[in-house]
Structures are given as structure tokens and as C-alpha cells.
Protein backbone atom coordinates (compact mmCIF):
# COMPACT_ATOMS: atom_id res chain seq x y z
CA MET A 1 17.51 -17.01 -5.20
CA GLN A 2 17.24 -14.48 -2.36
CA GLN A 3 13.74 -13.69 -1.05
CA PRO A 4 12.69 -10.13 -0.14
CA ALA A 5 12.86 -9.34 3.56
CA THR A 6 9.55 -9.74 5.37
CA SER A 7 8.58 -9.78 8.98
CA GLY A 8 5.54 -10.93 10.90
CA VAL A 9 4.91 -10.44 14.59
CA VAL A 10 2.52 -12.25 16.90
CA LEU A 11 1.41 -10.34 20.00
CA GLY A 12 -0.70 -12.60 22.21
CA ASP A 13 -3.45 -13.95 19.98
CA VAL A 14 -3.19 -11.10 17.47
CA ALA A 15 -1.00 -11.60 14.41
CA MET A 16 0.27 -8.40 12.82
CA ALA A 17 0.48 -8.21 9.04
CA GLU A 18 3.72 -9.17 7.34
CA ARG A 19 5.79 -6.32 6.01
CA LYS A 20 7.81 -6.37 2.83
CA SER A 21 10.91 -4.21 2.52
CA PHE A 22 11.77 -2.28 -0.64
CA LEU A 23 13.96 0.60 -1.70
CA LEU A 24 12.22 3.91 -2.38
CA ARG A 25 13.96 6.69 -4.27
CA ILE A 26 12.37 9.99 -3.31
CA ASP A 27 13.11 13.68 -3.67
CA PRO A 28 14.84 14.83 -0.44
CA MET A 29 12.53 17.84 -0.02
CA LEU A 30 9.44 15.64 -0.38
CA LEU A 31 10.86 13.19 2.16
CA GLU A 32 11.51 16.04 4.61
CA LYS A 33 7.95 17.32 4.25
CA VAL A 34 6.45 13.85 4.76
CA GLN A 35 8.72 13.34 7.79
CA ARG A 36 7.49 16.61 9.33
CA TRP A 37 3.89 15.57 8.64
CA ALA A 38 4.54 12.20 10.27
CA ASN A 39 6.02 13.94 13.31
CA ASP A 40 2.95 16.20 13.56
CA ASP A 41 0.67 13.13 13.44
CA LEU A 42 2.86 11.19 15.91
CA ARG A 43 3.60 8.50 13.32
CA SER A 44 6.80 6.96 12.05
CA LEU A 45 7.83 7.92 8.53
CA ASN A 46 6.97 4.41 7.36
CA GLY A 47 3.58 4.59 9.09
CA GLN A 48 2.84 7.94 7.47
CA ILE A 49 3.71 6.65 4.00
CA GLU A 50 1.47 3.59 4.52
CA PHE A 51 -1.32 5.84 5.82
CA LEU A 52 -1.10 8.08 2.75
CA LEU A 53 -0.98 5.14 0.34
CA ARG A 54 -4.00 3.47 1.97
CA ARG A 55 -5.96 6.73 1.87
CA ALA A 56 -5.09 7.24 -1.81
CA LEU A 57 -6.21 3.67 -2.61
CA ARG A 58 -9.48 4.13 -0.72
CA GLU A 59 -10.23 7.50 -2.34
CA SER A 60 -9.55 6.12 -5.82
CA GLY A 61 -11.76 3.08 -5.22
CA ARG A 62 -8.84 0.68 -5.60
CA GLU A 63 -8.68 -0.66 -2.04
CA ARG A 64 -9.96 -4.19 -1.56
CA GLY A 65 -10.21 -6.25 1.59
CA ARG A 66 -7.79 -9.12 2.16
CA ASP A 67 -10.56 -11.68 1.61
CA GLN A 68 -11.80 -10.14 -1.64
CA GLU A 69 -10.33 -11.37 -4.89
CA ALA A 70 -8.94 -9.07 -7.51
CA PRO A 71 -11.26 -8.59 -10.51
CA ALA A 72 -10.96 -11.11 -13.31
CA ALA A 73 -8.95 -10.10 -16.36
CA ASP A 74 -10.13 -10.49 -19.92
CA ALA A 75 -8.06 -12.10 -22.69
CA SER A 76 -6.04 -8.90 -23.18
CA GLY A 77 -5.04 -8.89 -19.51
CA ALA A 78 -7.11 -5.80 -18.72
CA SER A 79 -9.17 -5.89 -15.55
CA THR A 80 -12.85 -6.42 -16.42
CA ASP A 81 -14.04 -4.08 -13.66
CA THR A 82 -12.33 -1.13 -15.34
CA LEU A 83 -13.40 -1.79 -18.94
CA ARG A 84 -15.90 0.68 -20.27
CA GLU A 85 -17.44 1.04 -23.67
CA ASN A 86 -16.74 4.24 -25.56
CA PRO A 87 -19.92 6.16 -26.47
């Protein structure tokens, strides 16, 4: 079975995070707009997409540190930190 492509780089004593490659289907006009935004911010297209995804995760409260575990799931498989009782 073929594994997804990943890469990790070590610069001196600092290890950079591994990257996982995947195919993204995207509307060409949206891609062009994100590319222009990346150019304005002096980022690569990939860097801009990662930046936007990280910001969206942080703003939605879904970002967790690497050392933090994901919330436990109940018997139904739903995350227990998102379960709320209906009034």
C-alpha cells in the first residue's frame, strides 16, 4: 500500500513540521484571489492557505496544541466537549 507523501526538514537543531500532500479541487477564480492575497502578504500559495486554515481553526475554537489530546468521544462517537443539552 502506498503511503501519502510527507516531508520533514531539520535545520540545525530545529526540526520543521512534517507536511502531508493532498489534492485540492478549487474554483479557479477563488484560487486566483487567494494567490493574489498570498502575493500581497509575501507568502507562497501553500503558506497562505495554511495561514487561513489556522486562523479559521483558532477563531472557531477548534485549534489545539500538538501536546493536547483531542476530546474524548461518547458511545455515539460524538465529541463530549461539543455535546450540549437542549433547553
